[in-house]
Amino acid sequence: LRGRLERPEPRMALGRALASVAHAALDVSDGLAGDLG
């Protein structure tokens, strides 16, 4: 699990692929529920 904390992988390819199809977005840095808020 330590790599998930210390070496997160930014979802660059997905973000660019979503640019023309998704509506709203953010990255989950402080907790799913809190960031969804």
Full PDB file with SEQRES, HELIX, SHEET, SSBOND, CRYST1, ORIGX, SCALE, CONECT and MASTER records, all heavy atoms in Angstrom:
SEQRES   1 A   37  LEU ARG GLY ARG LEU GLU ARG PRO GLU PRO ARG MET ALA          
SEQRES   2 A   37  LEU GLY ARG ALA LEU ALA SER VAL ALA HIS ALA ALA LEU          
SEQRES   3 A   37  ASP VAL SER ASP GLY LEU ALA GLY ASP LEU GLY                  
HELIX    1 AA1 ARG A    2  GLU A    6  1                                   5    
HELIX    2 AA2 MET A   12  LEU A   18  1                                   7    
HELIX    3 AA3 LEU A   32  LEU A   36  1                                   5    
CRYST1    1.000    1.000    1.000  90.00  90.00  90.00 P 1           1          
ORIGX1      1.000000  0.000000  0.000000        0.00000                         
ORIGX2      0.000000  1.000000  0.000000        0.00000                         
ORIGX3      0.000000  0.000000  1.000000        0.00000                         
SCALE1      1.000000  0.000000  0.000000        0.00000                         
SCALE2      0.000000  1.000000  0.000000        0.00000                         
SCALE3      0.000000  0.000000  1.000000        0.00000                         
ATOM      1  N   LEU A   1       0.794  -1.229   0.000  1.00  0.00           N  
ATOM      2  CA  LEU A   1       0.000   0.000   0.000  1.00  0.00           C  
ATOM      3  C   LEU A   1       0.825   1.277   0.000  1.00  0.00           C  
ATOM      4  O   LEU A   1       0.325   2.332  -0.400  1.00  0.00           O  
ATOM      5  CB  LEU A   1      -0.908   0.017   1.241  1.00  0.00           C  
ATOM      6  CG  LEU A   1      -2.004  -1.051   1.309  1.00  0.00           C  
ATOM      7  CD1 LEU A   1      -2.639  -1.060   2.693  1.00  0.00           C  
ATOM      8  CD2 LEU A   1      -3.058  -0.804   0.245  1.00  0.00           C  
ATOM      9  N   ARG A   2       2.060   1.198   0.443  1.00  0.00           N  
ATOM     10  CA  ARG A   2       2.838   2.427   0.660  1.00  0.00           C  
ATOM     11  C   ARG A   2       3.004   3.245  -0.621  1.00  0.00           C  
ATOM     12  O   ARG A   2       2.996   4.477  -0.588  1.00  0.00           O  
ATOM     13  CB  ARG A   2       4.196   2.077   1.253  1.00  0.00           C  
ATOM     14  CG  ARG A   2       4.954   3.285   1.762  1.00  0.00           C  
ATOM     15  CD  ARG A   2       6.108   2.887   2.658  1.00  0.00           C  
ATOM     16  NE  ARG A   2       6.736   4.046   3.259  1.00  0.00           N  
ATOM     17  CZ  ARG A   2       7.603   3.989   4.252  1.00  0.00           C  
ATOM     18  NH1 ARG A   2       7.941   2.799   4.756  1.00  0.00           N  
ATOM     19  NH2 ARG A   2       8.139   5.091   4.755  1.00  0.00           N  
ATOM     20  N   GLY A   3       3.133   2.568  -1.734  1.00  0.00           N  
ATOM     21  CA  GLY A   3       3.274   3.278  -3.000  1.00  0.00           C  
ATOM     22  C   GLY A   3       2.063   4.125  -3.337  1.00  0.00           C  
ATOM     23  O   GLY A   3       2.190   5.172  -3.990  1.00  0.00           O  
ATOM     24  N   ARG A   4       0.883   3.688  -2.900  1.00  0.00           N  
ATOM     25  CA  ARG A   4      -0.333   4.463  -3.164  1.00  0.00           C  
ATOM     26  C   ARG A   4      -0.314   5.783  -2.398  1.00  0.00           C  
ATOM     27  O   ARG A   4      -0.897   6.774  -2.837  1.00  0.00           O  
ATOM     28  CB  ARG A   4      -1.559   3.642  -2.791  1.00  0.00           C  
ATOM     29  CG  ARG A   4      -1.815   2.462  -3.693  1.00  0.00           C  
ATOM     30  CD  ARG A   4      -2.377   2.910  -5.039  1.00  0.00           C  
ATOM     31  NE  ARG A   4      -3.778   3.286  -4.903  1.00  0.00           N  
ATOM     32  CZ  ARG A   4      -4.372   4.249  -5.601  1.00  0.00           C  
ATOM     33  NH1 ARG A   4      -3.677   4.976  -6.439  1.00  0.00           N  
ATOM     34  NH2 ARG A   4      -5.657   4.500  -5.436  1.00  0.00           N  
ATOM     35  N   LEU A   5       0.355   5.794  -1.252  1.00  0.00           N  
ATOM     36  CA  LEU A   5       0.471   7.018  -0.463  1.00  0.00           C  
ATOM     37  C   LEU A   5       1.603   7.901  -0.955  1.00  0.00           C  
ATOM     38  O   LEU A   5       1.436   9.126  -1.097  1.00  0.00           O  
ATOM     39  CB  LEU A   5       0.688   6.666   1.008  1.00  0.00           C  
ATOM     40  CG  LEU A   5       0.958   7.834   1.959  1.00  0.00           C  
ATOM     41  CD1 LEU A   5      -0.271   8.732   2.082  1.00  0.00           C  
ATOM     42  CD2 LEU A   5       1.390   7.323   3.332  1.00  0.00           C  
ATOM     43  N   GLU A   6       2.746   7.289  -1.224  1.00  0.00           N  
ATOM     44  CA  GLU A   6       3.950   8.073  -1.495  1.00  0.00           C  
ATOM     45  C   GLU A   6       4.254   8.270  -2.978  1.00  0.00           C  
ATOM     46  O   GLU A   6       5.012   9.182  -3.328  1.00  0.00           O  
ATOM     47  CB  GLU A   6       5.151   7.414  -0.813  1.00  0.00           C  
ATOM     48  CG  GLU A   6       5.030   7.403   0.704  1.00  0.00           C  
ATOM     49  CD  GLU A   6       6.218   6.767   1.405  1.00  0.00           C  
ATOM     50  OE1 GLU A   6       6.995   6.055   0.719  1.00  0.00           O  
ATOM     51  OE2 GLU A   6       6.370   6.976   2.615  1.00  0.00           O  
ATOM     52  N   ARG A   7       3.673   7.450  -3.835  1.00  0.00           N  
ATOM     53  CA  ARG A   7       3.930   7.574  -5.274  1.00  0.00           C  
ATOM     54  C   ARG A   7       2.615   7.491  -6.077  1.00  0.00           C  
ATOM     55  O   ARG A   7       2.435   6.590  -6.894  1.00  0.00           O  
ATOM     56  CB  ARG A   7       4.901   6.490  -5.753  1.00  0.00           C  
ATOM     57  CG  ARG A   7       6.329   6.655  -5.231  1.00  0.00           C  
ATOM     58  CD  ARG A   7       7.214   5.549  -5.762  1.00  0.00           C  
ATOM     59  NE  ARG A   7       8.601   5.692  -5.365  1.00  0.00           N  
ATOM     60  CZ  ARG A   7       9.541   6.325  -6.073  1.00  0.00           C  
ATOM     61  NH1 ARG A   7       9.216   6.879  -7.239  1.00  0.00           N  
ATOM     62  NH2 ARG A   7      10.776   6.412  -5.643  1.00  0.00           N  
ATOM     63  N   PRO A   8       1.706   8.415  -5.838  1.00  0.00           N  
ATOM     64  CA  PRO A   8       0.447   8.382  -6.599  1.00  0.00           C  
ATOM     65  C   PRO A   8       0.703   8.624  -8.085  1.00  0.00           C  
ATOM     66  O   PRO A   8       1.645   9.336  -8.447  1.00  0.00           O  
ATOM     67  CB  PRO A   8      -0.361   9.529  -5.982  1.00  0.00           C  
ATOM     68  CG  PRO A   8       0.680  10.474  -5.462  1.00  0.00           C  
ATOM     69  CD  PRO A   8       1.800   9.595  -4.963  1.00  0.00           C  
ATOM     70  N   GLU A   9      -0.125   8.031  -8.929  1.00  0.00           N  
ATOM     71  CA  GLU A   9       0.028   8.181 -10.379  1.00  0.00           C  
ATOM     72  C   GLU A   9      -1.054   9.122 -10.907  1.00  0.00           C  
ATOM     73  O   GLU A   9      -2.241   8.791 -10.866  1.00  0.00           O  
ATOM     74  CB  GLU A   9      -0.069   6.821 -11.070  1.00  0.00           C  
ATOM     75  CG  GLU A   9       1.087   5.887 -10.756  1.00  0.00           C  
ATOM     76  CD  GLU A   9       2.437   6.447 -11.206  1.00  0.00           C  
ATOM     77  OE1 GLU A   9       2.474   7.208 -12.198  1.00  0.00           O  
ATOM     78  OE2 GLU A   9       3.449   6.127 -10.561  1.00  0.00           O  
ATOM     79  N   PRO A  10      -0.675  10.295 -11.381  1.00  0.00           N  
ATOM     80  CA  PRO A  10      -1.678  11.216 -11.925  1.00  0.00           C  
ATOM     81  C   PRO A  10      -2.333  10.621 -13.168  1.00  0.00           C  
ATOM     82  O   PRO A  10      -1.647  10.061 -14.028  1.00  0.00           O  
ATOM     83  CB  PRO A  10      -0.865  12.473 -12.260  1.00  0.00           C  
ATOM     84  CG  PRO A  10       0.540  11.979 -12.453  1.00  0.00           C  
ATOM     85  CD  PRO A  10       0.702  10.827 -11.509  1.00  0.00           C  
ATOM     86  N   ARG A  11      -3.637  10.764 -13.270  1.00  0.00           N  
ATOM     87  CA  ARG A  11      -4.402  10.140 -14.365  1.00  0.00           C  
ATOM     88  C   ARG A  11      -4.422  11.051 -15.595  1.00  0.00           C  
ATOM     89  O   ARG A  11      -5.475  11.483 -16.077  1.00  0.00           O  
ATOM     90  CB  ARG A  11      -5.822   9.833 -13.887  1.00  0.00           C  
ATOM     91  CG  ARG A  11      -5.891   8.914 -12.672  1.00  0.00           C  
ATOM     92  CD  ARG A  11      -5.304   7.546 -12.963  1.00  0.00           C  
ATOM     93  NE  ARG A  11      -5.670   6.567 -11.934  1.00  0.00           N  
ATOM     94  CZ  ARG A  11      -5.313   5.282 -11.966  1.00  0.00           C  
ATOM     95  NH1 ARG A  11      -4.571   4.833 -12.955  1.00  0.00           N  
ATOM     96  NH2 ARG A  11      -5.697   4.453 -10.992  1.00  0.00           N  
ATOM     97  N   MET A  12      -3.227  11.328 -16.138  1.00  0.00           N  
ATOM     98  CA  MET A  12      -3.100  12.298 -17.213  1.00  0.00           C  
ATOM     99  C   MET A  12      -3.822  11.855 -18.488  1.00  0.00           C  
ATOM    100  O   MET A  12      -4.557  12.633 -19.097  1.00  0.00           O  
ATOM    101  CB  MET A  12      -1.621  12.553 -17.510  1.00  0.00           C  
ATOM    102  CG  MET A  12      -0.806  13.029 -16.324  1.00  0.00           C  
ATOM    103  SD  MET A  12      -1.478  14.540 -15.599  1.00  0.00           S  
ATOM    104  CE  MET A  12      -1.308  15.672 -16.962  1.00  0.00           C  
ATOM    105  N   ALA A  13      -3.597  10.635 -18.903  1.00  0.00           N  
ATOM    106  CA  ALA A  13      -4.198  10.170 -20.153  1.00  0.00           C  
ATOM    107  C   ALA A  13      -5.720  10.150 -20.055  1.00  0.00           C  
ATOM    108  O   ALA A  13      -6.417  10.531 -20.995  1.00  0.00           O  
ATOM    109  CB  ALA A  13      -3.660   8.786 -20.507  1.00  0.00           C  
ATOM    110  N   LEU A  14      -6.245   9.716 -18.916  1.00  0.00           N  
ATOM    111  CA  LEU A  14      -7.694   9.691 -18.752  1.00  0.00           C  
ATOM    112  C   LEU A  14      -8.253  11.104 -18.763  1.00  0.00           C  
ATOM    113  O   LEU A  14      -9.276  11.368 -19.406  1.00  0.00           O  
ATOM    114  CB  LEU A  14      -8.065   8.996 -17.441  1.00  0.00           C  
ATOM    115  CG  LEU A  14      -9.562   8.974 -17.116  1.00  0.00           C  
ATOM    116  CD1 LEU A  14     -10.338   8.205 -18.178  1.00  0.00           C  
ATOM    117  CD2 LEU A  14      -9.808   8.383 -15.728  1.00  0.00           C  
ATOM    118  N   GLY A  15      -7.610  12.034 -18.057  1.00  0.00           N  
ATOM    119  CA  GLY A  15      -8.106  13.406 -18.027  1.00  0.00           C  
ATOM    120  C   GLY A  15      -8.232  14.001 -19.415  1.00  0.00           C  
ATOM    121  O   GLY A  15      -9.247  14.624 -19.749  1.00  0.00           O  
ATOM    122  N   ARG A  16      -7.226  13.803 -20.239  1.00  0.00           N  
ATOM    123  CA  ARG A  16      -7.290  14.351 -21.597  1.00  0.00           C  
ATOM    124  C   ARG A  16      -8.338  13.644 -22.440  1.00  0.00           C  
ATOM    125  O   ARG A  16      -9.006  14.259 -23.267  1.00  0.00           O  
ATOM    126  CB  ARG A  16      -5.916  14.257 -22.249  1.00  0.00           C  
ATOM    127  CG  ARG A  16      -4.865  15.137 -21.568  1.00  0.00           C  
ATOM    128  CD  ARG A  16      -3.563  15.147 -22.312  1.00  0.00           C  
ATOM    129  NE  ARG A  16      -3.718  15.765 -23.628  1.00  0.00           N  
ATOM    130  CZ  ARG A  16      -2.783  15.745 -24.574  1.00  0.00           C  
ATOM    131  NH1 ARG A  16      -1.637  15.116 -24.349  1.00  0.00           N  
ATOM    132  NH2 ARG A  16      -2.988  16.329 -25.732  1.00  0.00           N  
ATOM    133  N   ALA A  17      -8.510  12.345 -22.209  1.00  0.00           N  
ATOM    134  CA  ALA A  17      -9.523  11.602 -22.972  1.00  0.00           C  
ATOM    135  C   ALA A  17     -10.931  12.026 -22.594  1.00  0.00           C  
ATOM    136  O   ALA A  17     -11.861  11.919 -23.389  1.00  0.00           O  
ATOM    137  CB  ALA A  17      -9.345  10.101 -22.741  1.00  0.00           C  
ATOM    138  N   LEU A  18     -11.099  12.521 -21.358  1.00  0.00           N  
ATOM    139  CA  LEU A  18     -12.421  12.942 -20.889  1.00  0.00           C  
ATOM    140  C   LEU A  18     -12.774  14.367 -21.288  1.00  0.00           C  
ATOM    141  O   LEU A  18     -13.936  14.779 -21.163  1.00  0.00           O  
ATOM    142  CB  LEU A  18     -12.489  12.840 -19.366  1.00  0.00           C  
ATOM    143  CG  LEU A  18     -12.408  11.446 -18.750  1.00  0.00           C  
ATOM    144  CD1 LEU A  18     -12.338  11.551 -17.232  1.00  0.00           C  
ATOM    145  CD2 LEU A  18     -13.602  10.592 -19.176  1.00  0.00           C  
ATOM    146  N   ALA A  19     -11.797  15.136 -21.776  1.00  0.00           N  
ATOM    147  CA  ALA A  19     -11.997  16.573 -21.985  1.00  0.00           C  
ATOM    148  C   ALA A  19     -13.180  16.899 -22.875  1.00  0.00           C  
ATOM    149  O   ALA A  19     -13.833  17.925 -22.690  1.00  0.00           O  
ATOM    150  CB  ALA A  19     -10.720  17.202 -22.539  1.00  0.00           C  
ATOM    151  N   SER A  20     -13.486  16.061 -23.825  1.00  0.00           N  
ATOM    152  CA  SER A  20     -14.570  16.376 -24.758  1.00  0.00           C  
ATOM    153  C   SER A  20     -15.865  15.626 -24.464  1.00  0.00           C  
ATOM    154  O   SER A  20     -16.843  15.775 -25.198  1.00  0.00           O  
ATOM    155  CB  SER A  20     -14.122  16.051 -26.189  1.00  0.00           C  
ATOM    156  OG  SER A  20     -13.793  14.678 -26.302  1.00  0.00           O  
ATOM    157  N   VAL A  21     -15.882  14.830 -23.354  1.00  0.00           N  
ATOM    158  CA  VAL A  21     -17.074  14.025 -23.093  1.00  0.00           C  
ATOM    159  C   VAL A  21     -17.627  14.193 -21.682  1.00  0.00           C  
ATOM    160  O   VAL A  21     -18.850  14.200 -21.487  1.00  0.00           O  
ATOM    161  CB  VAL A  21     -16.792  12.522 -23.386  1.00  0.00           C  
ATOM    162  CG1 VAL A  21     -15.689  11.995 -22.508  1.00  0.00           C  
ATOM    163  CG2 VAL A  21     -18.045  11.690 -23.228  1.00  0.00           C  
ATOM    164  N   ALA A  22     -16.768  14.345 -20.663  1.00  0.00           N  
ATOM    165  CA  ALA A  22     -17.242  14.482 -19.286  1.00  0.00           C  
ATOM    166  C   ALA A  22     -17.768  15.893 -19.043  1.00  0.00           C  
ATOM    167  O   ALA A  22     -17.485  16.823 -19.800  1.00  0.00           O  
ATOM    168  CB  ALA A  22     -16.125  14.163 -18.299  1.00  0.00           C  
ATOM    169  N   HIS A  23     -18.548  16.057 -17.992  1.00  0.00           N  
ATOM    170  CA  HIS A  23     -19.092  17.363 -17.625  1.00  0.00           C  
ATOM    171  C   HIS A  23     -18.236  18.018 -16.543  1.00  0.00           C  
ATOM    172  O   HIS A  23     -17.483  18.936 -16.794  1.00  0.00           O  
ATOM    173  CB  HIS A  23     -20.540  17.219 -17.157  1.00  0.00           C  
ATOM    174  CG  HIS A  23     -21.486  16.885 -18.263  1.00  0.00           C  
ATOM    175  ND1 HIS A  23     -22.753  16.363 -18.057  1.00  0.00           N  
ATOM    176  CD2 HIS A  23     -21.359  16.995 -19.611  1.00  0.00           C  
ATOM    177  CE1 HIS A  23     -23.362  16.174 -19.215  1.00  0.00           C  
ATOM    178  NE2 HIS A  23     -22.536  16.538 -20.176  1.00  0.00           N  
ATOM    179  N   ALA A  24     -18.353  17.563 -15.310  1.00  0.00           N  
ATOM    180  CA  ALA A  24     -17.586  18.114 -14.188  1.00  0.00           C  
ATOM    181  C   ALA A  24     -16.540  17.099 -13.749  1.00  0.00           C  
ATOM    182  O   ALA A  24     -16.714  15.887 -13.924  1.00  0.00           O  
ATOM    183  CB  ALA A  24     -18.519  18.443 -13.026  1.00  0.00           C  
ATOM    184  N   ALA A  25     -15.449  17.589 -13.154  1.00  0.00           N  
ATOM    185  CA  ALA A  25     -14.408  16.682 -12.662  1.00  0.00           C  
ATOM    186  C   ALA A  25     -13.556  17.388 -11.620  1.00  0.00           C  
ATOM    187  O   ALA A  25     -13.492  18.621 -11.574  1.00  0.00           O  
ATOM    188  CB  ALA A  25     -13.526  16.185 -13.809  1.00  0.00           C  
ATOM    189  N   LEU A  26     -12.907  16.589 -10.788  1.00  0.00           N  
ATOM    190  CA  LEU A  26     -11.839  17.042  -9.897  1.00  0.00           C  
ATOM    191  C   LEU A  26     -11.008  15.835  -9.517  1.00  0.00           C  
ATOM    192  O   LEU A  26     -11.381  14.696  -9.780  1.00  0.00           O  
ATOM    193  CB  LEU A  26     -12.380  17.767  -8.657  1.00  0.00           C  
ATOM    194  CG  LEU A  26     -13.488  17.177  -7.788  1.00  0.00           C  
ATOM    195  CD1 LEU A  26     -13.098  15.878  -7.107  1.00  0.00           C  
ATOM    196  CD2 LEU A  26     -13.913  18.180  -6.724  1.00  0.00           C  
ATOM    197  N   ASP A  27      -9.846  16.091  -8.908  1.00  0.00           N  
ATOM    198  CA  ASP A  27      -9.056  14.973  -8.412  1.00  0.00           C  
ATOM    199  C   ASP A  27      -9.331  14.802  -6.924  1.00  0.00           C  
ATOM    200  O   ASP A  27      -9.539  15.764  -6.197  1.00  0.00           O  
ATOM    201  CB  ASP A  27      -7.571  15.145  -8.719  1.00  0.00           C  
ATOM    202  CG  ASP A  27      -6.887  16.203  -7.876  1.00  0.00           C  
ATOM    203  OD1 ASP A  27      -7.561  17.184  -7.498  1.00  0.00           O  
ATOM    204  OD2 ASP A  27      -5.689  16.062  -7.602  1.00  0.00           O  
ATOM    205  N   VAL A  28      -9.351  13.558  -6.492  1.00  0.00           N  
ATOM    206  CA  VAL A  28      -9.666  13.227  -5.104  1.00  0.00           C  
ATOM    207  C   VAL A  28      -8.372  13.297  -4.300  1.00  0.00           C  
ATOM    208  O   VAL A  28      -7.562  12.372  -4.312  1.00  0.00           O  
ATOM    209  CB  VAL A  28     -10.304  11.834  -4.987  1.00  0.00           C  
ATOM    210  CG1 VAL A  28     -10.604  11.506  -3.533  1.00  0.00           C  
ATOM    211  CG2 VAL A  28     -11.574  11.759  -5.820  1.00  0.00           C  
ATOM    212  N   SER A  29      -8.175  14.412  -3.607  1.00  0.00           N  
ATOM    213  CA  SER A  29      -6.973  14.591  -2.799  1.00  0.00           C  
ATOM    214  C   SER A  29      -7.279  14.598  -1.308  1.00  0.00           C  
ATOM    215  O   SER A  29      -6.451  14.200  -0.497  1.00  0.00           O  
ATOM    216  CB  SER A  29      -6.267  15.897  -3.183  1.00  0.00           C  
ATOM    217  OG  SER A  29      -7.133  17.003  -3.051  1.00  0.00           O  
ATOM    218  N   ASP A  30      -8.463  15.045  -0.929  1.00  0.00           N  
ATOM    219  CA  ASP A  30      -8.812  15.202   0.490  1.00  0.00           C  
ATOM    220  C   ASP A  30      -9.964  14.305   0.922  1.00  0.00           C  
ATOM    221  O   ASP A  30     -10.573  14.542   1.964  1.00  0.00           O  
ATOM    222  CB  ASP A  30      -9.174  16.663   0.775  1.00  0.00           C  
ATOM    223  CG  ASP A  30      -8.004  17.596   0.564  1.00  0.00           C  
ATOM    224  OD1 ASP A  30      -6.855  17.170   0.809  1.00  0.00           O  
ATOM    225  OD2 ASP A  30      -8.207  18.740   0.142  1.00  0.00           O  
ATOM    226  N   GLY A  31     -10.294  13.301   0.136  1.00  0.00           N  
ATOM    227  CA  GLY A  31     -11.388  12.395   0.480  1.00  0.00           C  
ATOM    228  C   GLY A  31     -12.505  12.473  -0.537  1.00  0.00           C  
ATOM    229  O   GLY A  31     -12.921  13.561  -0.943  1.00  0.00           O  
ATOM    230  N   LEU A  32     -13.016  11.305  -0.954  1.00  0.00           N  
ATOM    231  CA  LEU A  32     -14.036  11.244  -2.005  1.00  0.00           C  
ATOM    232  C   LEU A  32     -15.265  12.071  -1.649  1.00  0.00           C  
ATOM    233  O   LEU A  32     -15.743  12.876  -2.449  1.00  0.00           O  
ATOM    234  CB  LEU A  32     -14.415   9.785  -2.270  1.00  0.00           C  
ATOM    235  CG  LEU A  32     -15.282   9.446  -3.481  1.00  0.00           C  
ATOM    236  CD1 LEU A  32     -15.116   7.980  -3.842  1.00  0.00           C  
ATOM    237  CD2 LEU A  32     -16.759   9.737  -3.266  1.00  0.00           C  
ATOM    238  N   ALA A  33     -15.807  11.864  -0.446  1.00  0.00           N  
ATOM    239  CA  ALA A  33     -17.039  12.564  -0.067  1.00  0.00           C  
ATOM    240  C   ALA A  33     -16.805  14.064   0.038  1.00  0.00           C  
ATOM    241  O   ALA A  33     -17.617  14.872  -0.450  1.00  0.00           O  
ATOM    242  CB  ALA A  33     -17.583  12.009   1.248  1.00  0.00           C  
ATOM    243  N   GLY A  34     -15.709  14.453   0.675  1.00  0.00           N  
ATOM    244  CA  GLY A  34     -15.431  15.872   0.827  1.00  0.00           C  
ATOM    245  C   GLY A  34     -15.192  16.556  -0.500  1.00  0.00           C  
ATOM    246  O   GLY A  34     -15.695  17.661  -0.743  1.00  0.00           O  
ATOM    247  N   ASP A  35     -14.436  15.923  -1.381  1.00  0.00           N  
ATOM    248  CA  ASP A  35     -14.165  16.533  -2.684  1.00  0.00           C  
ATOM    249  C   ASP A  35     -15.411  16.537  -3.565  1.00  0.00           C  
ATOM    250  O   ASP A  35     -15.650  17.490  -4.302  1.00  0.00           O  
ATOM    251  CB  ASP A  35     -13.017  15.801  -3.375  1.00  0.00           C  
ATOM    252  CG  ASP A  35     -11.668  16.142  -2.757  1.00  0.00           C  
ATOM    253  OD1 ASP A  35     -11.513  17.284  -2.286  1.00  0.00           O  
ATOM    254  OD2 ASP A  35     -10.773  15.282  -2.736  1.00  0.00           O  
ATOM    255  N   LEU A  36     -16.222  15.481  -3.491  1.00  0.00           N  
ATOM    256  CA  LEU A  36     -17.485  15.485  -4.223  1.00  0.00           C  
ATOM    257  C   LEU A  36     -18.360  16.644  -3.761  1.00  0.00           C  
ATOM    258  O   LEU A  36     -19.082  17.251  -4.574  1.00  0.00           O  
ATOM    259  CB  LEU A  36     -18.215  14.156  -4.029  1.00  0.00           C  
ATOM    260  CG  LEU A  36     -19.604  14.036  -4.671  1.00  0.00           C  
ATOM    261  CD1 LEU A  36     -19.565  14.340  -6.167  1.00  0.00           C  
ATOM    262  CD2 LEU A  36     -20.180  12.642  -4.425  1.00  0.00           C  
ATOM    263  N   GLY A  37     -18.283  16.974  -2.483  1.00  0.00           N  
ATOM    264  CA  GLY A  37     -19.047  18.120  -1.981  1.00  0.00           C  
ATOM    265  C   GLY A  37     -18.723  19.404  -2.712  1.00  0.00           C  
ATOM    266  O   GLY A  37     -19.593  20.272  -2.870  1.00  0.00           O  
TER     267      GLY A  37                                                      
MASTER        0    0    0    3    0    0    0    6  266    1    0    3          
END                                                                             
